[in-house]
Amino acid sequence: MGKGDKKTKRGKIHIGTHGVSRPKKNAAKKSAAKAAPKKAAKKAK
């Protein structure tokens, strides 16, 4: 669980990748914007 572990934040920093444990900064904005306009769909009778 250190620099060699691809699944940890420290490992991702060392390798230079992004993912669940180390998301990109602009990805947080996209996910927040994506979740906001979600509305419940009404069923047509």
N, C-alpha and C. Protein backbone atom coordinates (compact mmCIF):
# COMPACT_ATOMS: atom_id res chain seq x y z
N MET A 1 0.84 -1.18 0.00
CA MET A 1 0.00 0.00 0.00
C MET A 1 0.88 1.24 0.00
N GLY A 2 1.53 1.47 -1.10
CA GLY A 2 2.40 2.63 -1.20
C GLY A 2 2.46 3.13 -2.63
N LYS A 3 3.63 3.55 -3.02
CA LYS A 3 3.80 4.12 -4.36
C LYS A 3 3.58 3.09 -5.47
N GLY A 4 3.78 1.83 -5.18
CA GLY A 4 3.61 0.80 -6.20
C GLY A 4 2.18 0.31 -6.36
N ASP A 5 1.29 0.70 -5.44
CA ASP A 5 -0.10 0.23 -5.47
C ASP A 5 -0.93 1.14 -6.36
N LYS A 6 -1.38 0.62 -7.49
CA LYS A 6 -2.13 1.40 -8.48
C LYS A 6 -3.50 1.87 -7.98
N LYS A 7 -4.03 1.23 -6.94
CA LYS A 7 -5.38 1.55 -6.46
C LYS A 7 -5.42 2.65 -5.40
N THR A 8 -4.26 3.05 -4.89
CA THR A 8 -4.24 4.08 -3.85
C THR A 8 -3.94 5.44 -4.46
N LYS A 9 -4.31 6.49 -3.74
CA LYS A 9 -4.05 7.85 -4.20
C LYS A 9 -2.56 8.09 -4.40
N ARG A 10 -1.75 7.62 -3.45
CA ARG A 10 -0.29 7.82 -3.53
C ARG A 10 0.28 7.08 -4.74
N GLY A 11 -0.21 5.90 -5.02
CA GLY A 11 0.24 5.14 -6.18
C GLY A 11 -0.13 5.81 -7.49
N LYS A 12 -1.32 6.38 -7.54
CA LYS A 12 -1.76 7.08 -8.74
C LYS A 12 -0.95 8.35 -8.98
N ILE A 13 -0.59 9.04 -7.89
CA ILE A 13 0.27 10.23 -8.01
C ILE A 13 1.64 9.80 -8.56
N HIS A 14 2.17 8.70 -8.06
CA HIS A 14 3.48 8.20 -8.49
C HIS A 14 3.46 7.80 -9.96
N ILE A 15 2.41 7.11 -10.39
CA ILE A 15 2.28 6.64 -11.77
C ILE A 15 1.86 7.79 -12.69
N GLY A 16 1.05 8.71 -12.15
CA GLY A 16 0.59 9.85 -12.95
C GLY A 16 -0.74 9.59 -13.62
N THR A 17 -1.58 8.78 -12.98
CA THR A 17 -2.89 8.48 -13.55
C THR A 17 -3.99 9.01 -12.63
N HIS A 18 -5.22 8.93 -13.11
CA HIS A 18 -6.38 9.36 -12.33
C HIS A 18 -7.38 8.22 -12.29
N GLY A 19 -8.30 8.28 -11.31
CA GLY A 19 -9.32 7.25 -11.17
C GLY A 19 -10.23 7.57 -10.02
N VAL A 20 -10.86 6.55 -9.44
CA VAL A 20 -11.81 6.73 -8.35
C VAL A 20 -11.14 7.35 -7.13
N SER A 21 -9.99 6.85 -6.76
CA SER A 21 -9.29 7.35 -5.57
C SER A 21 -8.57 8.67 -5.84
N ARG A 22 -8.36 9.02 -7.11
CA ARG A 22 -7.72 10.30 -7.45
C ARG A 22 -8.38 10.87 -8.70
N PRO A 23 -9.56 11.47 -8.53
CA PRO A 23 -10.27 12.03 -9.69
C PRO A 23 -9.61 13.31 -10.18
N LYS A 24 -9.82 13.61 -11.45
CA LYS A 24 -9.33 14.88 -12.00
C LYS A 24 -10.21 15.99 -11.44
N LYS A 25 -9.69 17.19 -11.31
CA LYS A 25 -10.43 18.30 -10.72
C LYS A 25 -11.66 18.66 -11.54
N ASN A 26 -11.55 18.68 -12.88
CA ASN A 26 -12.70 19.03 -13.71
C ASN A 26 -13.74 17.92 -13.76
N ALA A 27 -13.39 16.71 -13.39
CA ALA A 27 -14.35 15.59 -13.35
C ALA A 27 -15.38 15.82 -12.26
N ALA A 28 -14.98 16.44 -11.16
CA ALA A 28 -15.91 16.72 -10.06
C ALA A 28 -16.99 17.70 -10.51
N LYS A 29 -16.62 18.67 -11.32
CA LYS A 29 -17.58 19.65 -11.83
C LYS A 29 -18.57 18.98 -12.79
N LYS A 30 -18.06 18.09 -13.63
CA LYS A 30 -18.91 17.39 -14.59
C LYS A 30 -19.93 16.50 -13.89
N SER A 31 -19.49 15.77 -12.87
CA SER A 31 -20.40 14.85 -12.18
C SER A 31 -21.46 15.63 -11.40
N ALA A 32 -21.10 16.79 -10.84
CA ALA A 32 -22.05 17.61 -10.10
C ALA A 32 -23.08 18.21 -11.06
N ALA A 33 -22.62 18.64 -12.21
CA ALA A 33 -23.52 19.22 -13.21
C ALA A 33 -24.42 18.14 -13.81
N LYS A 34 -23.89 16.96 -13.93
CA LYS A 34 -24.65 15.86 -14.50
C LYS A 34 -25.77 15.41 -13.55
N ALA A 35 -25.49 15.40 -12.26
CA ALA A 35 -26.45 14.92 -11.27
C ALA A 35 -27.55 15.94 -10.98
N ALA A 36 -27.26 17.21 -11.13
CA ALA A 36 -28.21 18.27 -10.78
C ALA A 36 -29.49 18.27 -11.64
N PRO A 37 -29.41 18.20 -12.97
CA PRO A 37 -30.64 18.30 -13.77
C PRO A 37 -31.50 17.04 -13.81
N LYS A 38 -31.11 16.03 -13.05
CA LYS A 38 -31.86 14.78 -13.04
C LYS A 38 -33.24 14.98 -12.40
N LYS A 39 -34.27 14.63 -13.13
CA LYS A 39 -35.63 14.74 -12.60
C LYS A 39 -36.33 13.39 -12.77
N ALA A 40 -37.32 13.16 -11.93
CA ALA A 40 -38.07 11.92 -12.01
C ALA A 40 -38.99 11.96 -13.23
N ALA A 41 -38.93 10.91 -14.01
CA ALA A 41 -39.76 10.83 -15.21
C ALA A 41 -41.17 10.40 -14.81
N LYS A 42 -42.15 11.07 -15.37
CA LYS A 42 -43.54 10.71 -15.10
C LYS A 42 -44.01 9.71 -16.15
N LYS A 43 -44.75 8.72 -15.68
CA LYS A 43 -45.26 7.71 -16.59
C LYS A 43 -46.52 8.22 -17.27
N ALA A 44 -46.60 8.02 -18.58
CA ALA A 44 -47.77 8.43 -19.34
C ALA A 44 -48.83 7.33 -19.24
N LYS A 45 -50.05 7.74 -19.00
CA LYS A 45 -51.13 6.73 -18.88
C LYS A 45 -51.93 6.64 -20.15
